[in-house]
């Protein structure tokens, strides 16, 4: 019996595996010193593992 993709992505097993994968990825990025995107009062920042934030500037499309 085939499962639909929509049915699979709604399953508890999928959500658990996705959550574990994202936690591993976040830990790996932090270990490498890479920033994550955060939104504060509608403004997007790059937040580094040391707590420093840099505002992301909008660039006009070329």
PDB file of N, CA and C in Angstrom:
ATOM      1  N   UNK A   1       0.841  -1.184   0.000  1.00  0.00           N
ATOM      2  CA  UNK A   1       0.000   0.000   0.000  1.00  0.00           C
ATOM      3  C   UNK A   1       0.879   1.237   0.000  1.00  0.00           C
ATOM      4  N   UNK A   2       0.623   2.157  -0.885  1.00  0.00           N
ATOM      5  CA  UNK A   2       1.419   3.376  -0.992  1.00  0.00           C
ATOM      6  C   UNK A   2       0.868   4.450  -0.066  1.00  0.00           C
ATOM      7  N   UNK A   3       1.785   5.222   0.521  1.00  0.00           N
ATOM      8  CA  UNK A   3       1.390   6.373   1.331  1.00  0.00           C
ATOM      9  C   UNK A   3       1.573   7.626   0.493  1.00  0.00           C
ATOM     10  N   UNK A   4       0.695   8.564   0.696  1.00  0.00           N
ATOM     11  CA  UNK A   4       0.853   9.819  -0.031  1.00  0.00           C
ATOM     12  C   UNK A   4       1.912  10.668   0.672  1.00  0.00           C
ATOM     13  N   UNK A   5       2.531  11.531  -0.067  1.00  0.00           N
ATOM     14  CA  UNK A   5       3.544  12.420   0.499  1.00  0.00           C
ATOM     15  C   UNK A   5       2.922  13.336   1.538  1.00  0.00           C
ATOM     16  N   UNK A   6       1.746  13.828   1.263  1.00  0.00           N
ATOM     17  CA  UNK A   6       1.046  14.695   2.204  1.00  0.00           C
ATOM     18  C   UNK A   6       0.753  13.954   3.509  1.00  0.00           C
ATOM     19  N   UNK A   7       0.328  12.711   3.401  1.00  0.00           N
ATOM     20  CA  UNK A   7       0.062  11.902   4.588  1.00  0.00           C
ATOM     21  C   UNK A   7       1.327  11.649   5.386  1.00  0.00           C
ATOM     22  N   UNK A   8       2.438  11.422   4.692  1.00  0.00           N
ATOM     23  CA  UNK A   8       3.706  11.164   5.376  1.00  0.00           C
ATOM     24  C   UNK A   8       4.203  12.399   6.112  1.00  0.00           C
ATOM     25  N   UNK A   9       4.123  13.567   5.475  1.00  0.00           N
ATOM     26  CA  UNK A   9       4.633  14.781   6.112  1.00  0.00           C
ATOM     27  C   UNK A   9       3.783  15.206   7.296  1.00  0.00           C
ATOM     28  N   UNK A  10       2.559  14.718   7.389  1.00  0.00           N
ATOM     29  CA  UNK A  10       1.692  15.033   8.520  1.00  0.00           C
ATOM     30  C   UNK A  10       1.891  14.046   9.666  1.00  0.00           C
ATOM     31  N   UNK A  11       2.666  12.989   9.441  1.00  0.00           N
ATOM     32  CA  UNK A  11       2.825  11.950  10.454  1.00  0.00           C
ATOM     33  C   UNK A  11       3.729  12.406  11.598  1.00  0.00           C
ATOM     34  N   UNK A  12       3.527  11.795  12.751  1.00  0.00           N
ATOM     35  CA  UNK A  12       4.320  12.096  13.936  1.00  0.00           C
ATOM     36  C   UNK A  12       5.782  11.703  13.716  1.00  0.00           C
ATOM     37  N   UNK A  13       6.002  10.582  13.047  1.00  0.00           N
ATOM     38  CA  UNK A  13       7.362  10.106  12.773  1.00  0.00           C
ATOM     39  C   UNK A  13       8.140  11.137  11.941  1.00  0.00           C
ATOM     40  N   UNK A  14       7.508  11.674  10.913  1.00  0.00           N
ATOM     41  CA  UNK A  14       8.161  12.672  10.072  1.00  0.00           C
ATOM     42  C   UNK A  14       8.523  13.908  10.881  1.00  0.00           C
ATOM     43  N   UNK A  15       7.572  14.389  11.681  1.00  0.00           N
ATOM     44  CA  UNK A  15       7.812  15.583  12.487  1.00  0.00           C
ATOM     45  C   UNK A  15       8.946  15.371  13.475  1.00  0.00           C
ATOM     46  N   UNK A  16       9.023  14.190  14.079  1.00  0.00           N
ATOM     47  CA  UNK A  16      10.098  13.876  15.029  1.00  0.00           C
ATOM     48  C   UNK A  16      11.452  13.850  14.327  1.00  0.00           C
ATOM     49  N   UNK A  17      11.515  13.182  13.177  1.00  0.00           N
ATOM     50  CA  UNK A  17      12.777  13.113  12.422  1.00  0.00           C
ATOM     51  C   UNK A  17      13.221  14.497  11.939  1.00  0.00           C
ATOM     52  N   UNK A  18      12.277  15.307  11.482  1.00  0.00           N
ATOM     53  CA  UNK A  18      12.597  16.648  11.006  1.00  0.00           C
ATOM     54  C   UNK A  18      13.123  17.506  12.155  1.00  0.00           C
ATOM     55  N   UNK A  19      12.489  17.394  13.308  1.00  0.00           N
ATOM     56  CA  UNK A  19      12.909  18.150  14.482  1.00  0.00           C
ATOM     57  C   UNK A  19      14.335  17.782  14.886  1.00  0.00           C
ATOM     58  N   UNK A  20      14.632  16.489  14.921  1.00  0.00           N
ATOM     59  CA  UNK A  20      15.977  16.028  15.276  1.00  0.00           C
ATOM     60  C   UNK A  20      17.005  16.522  14.265  1.00  0.00           C
ATOM     61  N   UNK A  21      16.663  16.470  12.996  1.00  0.00           N
ATOM     62  CA  UNK A  21      17.570  16.919  11.943  1.00  0.00           C
ATOM     63  C   UNK A  21      17.866  18.413  12.060  1.00  0.00           C
ATOM     64  N   UNK A  22      16.833  19.205  12.323  1.00  0.00           N
ATOM     65  CA  UNK A  22      17.024  20.651  12.446  1.00  0.00           C
ATOM     66  C   UNK A  22      17.849  21.008  13.676  1.00  0.00           C
ATOM     67  N   UNK A  23      17.683  20.281  14.761  1.00  0.00           N
ATOM     68  CA  UNK A  23      18.490  20.513  15.965  1.00  0.00           C
ATOM     69  C   UNK A  23      19.963  20.231  15.692  1.00  0.00           C
ATOM     70  N   UNK A  24      20.245  19.140  14.974  1.00  0.00           N
ATOM     71  CA  UNK A  24      21.625  18.804  14.626  1.00  0.00           C
ATOM     72  C   UNK A  24      22.236  19.874  13.725  1.00  0.00           C
ATOM     73  N   UNK A  25      21.455  20.340  12.764  1.00  0.00           N
ATOM     74  CA  UNK A  25      21.936  21.372  11.845  1.00  0.00           C
ATOM     75  C   UNK A  25      22.227  22.672  12.587  1.00  0.00           C
ATOM     76  N   UNK A  26      21.342  23.059  13.494  1.00  0.00           N
ATOM     77  CA  UNK A  26      21.546  24.289  14.267  1.00  0.00           C
ATOM     78  C   UNK A  26      22.794  24.182  15.133  1.00  0.00           C
ATOM     79  N   UNK A  27      23.000  23.032  15.758  1.00  0.00           N
ATOM     80  CA  UNK A  27      24.186  22.837  16.597  1.00  0.00           C
ATOM     81  C   UNK A  27      25.458  22.889  15.755  1.00  0.00           C
ATOM     82  N   UNK A  28      25.412  22.305  14.574  1.00  0.00           N
ATOM     83  CA  UNK A  28      26.570  22.307  13.680  1.00  0.00           C
ATOM     84  C   UNK A  28      26.900  23.725  13.219  1.00  0.00           C
ATOM     85  N   UNK A  29      25.883  24.506  12.864  1.00  0.00           N
ATOM     86  CA  UNK A  29      26.105  25.894  12.429  1.00  0.00           C
ATOM     87  C   UNK A  29      26.668  26.733  13.560  1.00  0.00           C
ATOM     88  N   UNK A  30      26.185  26.529  14.776  1.00  0.00           N
ATOM     89  CA  UNK A  30      26.687  27.276  15.928  1.00  0.00           C
ATOM     90  C   UNK A  30      28.147  26.910  16.195  1.00  0.00           C
ATOM     91  N   UNK A  31      28.465  25.625  16.075  1.00  0.00           N
ATOM     92  CA  UNK A  31      29.839  25.163  16.291  1.00  0.00           C
ATOM     93  C   UNK A  31      30.793  25.790  15.278  1.00  0.00           C
ATOM     94  N   UNK A  32      30.306  25.998  14.059  1.00  0.00           N
ATOM     95  CA  UNK A  32      31.130  26.600  13.003  1.00  0.00           C
ATOM     96  C   UNK A  32      31.151  28.131  13.085  1.00  0.00           C
ATOM     97  N   UNK A  33      30.334  28.692  13.964  1.00  0.00           N
ATOM     98  CA  UNK A  33      30.300  30.143  14.119  1.00  0.00           C
ATOM     99  C   UNK A  33      29.451  30.848  13.079  1.00  0.00           C
ATOM    100  N   UNK A  34      28.553  30.119  12.428  1.00  0.00           N
ATOM    101  CA  UNK A  34      27.705  30.705  11.398  1.00  0.00           C
ATOM    102  C   UNK A  34      26.482  31.359  12.034  1.00  0.00           C
ATOM    103  N   UNK A  35      25.995  32.444  11.454  1.00  0.00           N
ATOM    104  CA  UNK A  35      24.847  33.142  12.037  1.00  0.00           C
ATOM    105  C   UNK A  35      23.532  32.477  11.703  1.00  0.00           C
ATOM    106  N   UNK A  36      22.507  32.838  12.486  1.00  0.00           N
ATOM    107  CA  UNK A  36      21.140  32.439  12.171  1.00  0.00           C
ATOM    108  C   UNK A  36      20.330  33.713  11.985  1.00  0.00           C
ATOM    109  N   UNK A  37      19.249  33.614  11.258  1.00  0.00           N
ATOM    110  CA  UNK A  37      18.391  34.781  11.025  1.00  0.00           C
ATOM    111  C   UNK A  37      17.397  34.899  12.168  1.00  0.00           C
ATOM    112  N   UNK A  38      17.245  36.108  12.696  1.00  0.00           N
ATOM    113  CA  UNK A  38      16.245  36.393  13.724  1.00  0.00           C
ATOM    114  C   UNK A  38      15.516  37.669  13.337  1.00  0.00           C
ATOM    115  N   UNK A  39      14.263  37.770  13.750  1.00  0.00           N
ATOM    116  CA  UNK A  39      13.462  38.958  13.473  1.00  0.00           C
ATOM    117  C   UNK A  39      13.133  39.618  14.801  1.00  0.00           C
ATOM    118  N   UNK A  40      13.487  40.897  14.928  1.00  0.00           N
ATOM    119  CA  UNK A  40      13.210  41.673  16.131  1.00  0.00           C
ATOM    120  C   UNK A  40      12.445  42.919  15.709  1.00  0.00           C
ATOM    121  N   UNK A  41      11.228  43.046  16.186  1.00  0.00           N
ATOM    122  CA  UNK A  41      10.373  44.191  15.844  1.00  0.00           C
ATOM    123  C   UNK A  41      10.266  44.400  14.336  1.00  0.00           C
ATOM    124  N   UNK A  42      10.164  43.316  13.589  1.00  0.00           N
ATOM    125  CA  UNK A  42       9.991  43.408  12.146  1.00  0.00           C
ATOM    126  C   UNK A  42      11.270  43.658  11.362  1.00  0.00           C
ATOM    127  N   UNK A  43      12.418  43.676  12.036  1.00  0.00           N
ATOM    128  CA  UNK A  43      13.705  43.898  11.374  1.00  0.00           C
ATOM    129  C   UNK A  43      14.493  42.586  11.416  1.00  0.00           C
ATOM    130  N   UNK A  44      15.080  42.208  10.284  1.00  0.00           N
ATOM    131  CA  UNK A  44      15.827  40.960  10.187  1.00  0.00           C
ATOM    132  C   UNK A  44      17.294  41.209  10.543  1.00  0.00           C
ATOM    133  N   UNK A  45      17.832  40.339  11.406  1.00  0.00           N
ATOM    134  CA  UNK A  45      19.224  40.406  11.825  1.00  0.00           C
ATOM    135  C   UNK A  45      19.891  39.061  11.625  1.00  0.00           C
ATOM    136  N   UNK A  46      21.219  39.093  11.457  1.00  0.00           N
ATOM    137  CA  UNK A  46      22.029  37.881  11.552  1.00  0.00           C
ATOM    138  C   UNK A  46      22.522  37.826  12.985  1.00  0.00           C
ATOM    139  N   UNK A  47      22.227  36.735  13.682  1.00  0.00           N
ATOM    140  CA  UNK A  47      22.670  36.603  15.066  1.00  0.00           C
ATOM    141  C   UNK A  47      23.752  35.532  15.134  1.00  0.00           C
ATOM    142  N   UNK A  48      24.914  35.895  15.631  1.00  0.00           N
ATOM    143  CA  UNK A  48      26.049  34.993  15.738  1.00  0.00           C
ATOM    144  C   UNK A  48      26.034  34.278  17.086  1.00  0.00           C
ATOM    145  N   UNK A  49      26.711  33.143  17.193  1.00  0.00           N
ATOM    146  CA  UNK A  49      26.710  32.392  18.451  1.00  0.00           C
ATOM    147  C   UNK A  49      27.203  33.193  19.658  1.00  0.00           C
ATOM    148  N   UNK A  50      28.008  34.230  19.444  1.00  0.00           N
ATOM    149  CA  UNK A  50      28.491  35.036  20.571  1.00  0.00           C
ATOM    150  C   UNK A  50      27.470  36.093  21.006  1.00  0.00           C
ATOM    151  N   UNK A  51      26.300  36.141  20.335  1.00  0.00           N
ATOM    152  CA  UNK A  51      25.235  37.062  20.696  1.00  0.00           C
ATOM    153  C   UNK A  51      25.211  38.340  19.879  1.00  0.00           C
ATOM    154  N   UNK A  52      26.233  38.565  19.076  1.00  0.00           N
ATOM    155  CA  UNK A  52      26.311  39.772  18.245  1.00  0.00           C
ATOM    156  C   UNK A  52      25.261  39.703  17.145  1.00  0.00           C
ATOM    157  N   UNK A  53      24.654  40.845  16.827  1.00  0.00           N
ATOM    158  CA  UNK A  53      23.651  40.927  15.760  1.00  0.00           C
ATOM    159  C   UNK A  53      24.060  41.954  14.730  1.00  0.00           C
ATOM    160  N   UNK A  54      23.839  41.605  13.464  1.00  0.00           N
ATOM    161  CA  UNK A  54      24.076  42.531  12.356  1.00  0.00           C
ATOM    162  C   UNK A  54      22.784  42.653  11.573  1.00  0.00           C
ATOM    163  N   UNK A  55      22.365  43.880  11.322  1.00  0.00           N
ATOM    164  CA  UNK A  55      21.143  44.107  10.562  1.00  0.00           C
ATOM    165  C   UNK A  55      21.345  43.678   9.110  1.00  0.00           C
ATOM    166  N   UNK A  56      20.352  43.035   8.550  1.00  0.00           N
ATOM    167  CA  UNK A  56      20.386  42.604   7.146  1.00  0.00           C
ATOM    168  C   UNK A  56      19.784  43.724   6.323  1.00  0.00           C
ATOM    169  N   UNK A  57      20.546  44.236   5.380  1.00  0.00           N
ATOM    170  CA  UNK A  57      20.070  45.317   4.512  1.00  0.00           C
ATOM    171  C   UNK A  57      19.394  44.737   3.290  1.00  0.00           C
ATOM    172  N   UNK A  58      18.285  45.340   2.897  1.00  0.00           N
ATOM    173  CA  UNK A  58      17.630  44.939   1.656  1.00  0.00           C
ATOM    174  C   UNK A  58      18.472  45.434   0.490  1.00  0.00           C
ATOM    175  N   UNK A  59      18.663  44.557  -0.469  1.00  0.00           N
ATOM    176  CA  UNK A  59      19.379  44.964  -1.667  1.00  0.00           C
ATOM    177  C   UNK A  59      18.387  44.951  -2.821  1.00  0.00           C
ATOM    178  N   UNK A  60      18.434  45.998  -3.626  1.00  0.00           N
ATOM    179  CA  UNK A  60      17.533  46.061  -4.762  1.00  0.00           C
ATOM    180  C   UNK A  60      17.980  45.036  -5.807  1.00  0.00           C
ATOM    181  N   UNK A  61      17.019  44.365  -6.462  1.00  0.00           N
ATOM    182  CA  UNK A  61      17.383  43.363  -7.473  1.00  0.00           C
ATOM    183  C   UNK A  61      18.107  44.012  -8.647  1.00  0.00           C
ATOM    184  N   UNK A  62      19.092  43.309  -9.161  1.00  0.00           N
ATOM    185  CA  UNK A  62      19.882  43.834 -10.279  1.00  0.00           C
ATOM    186  C   UNK A  62      19.188  43.639 -11.593  1.00  0.00           C
TER     187      UNK A  62
END
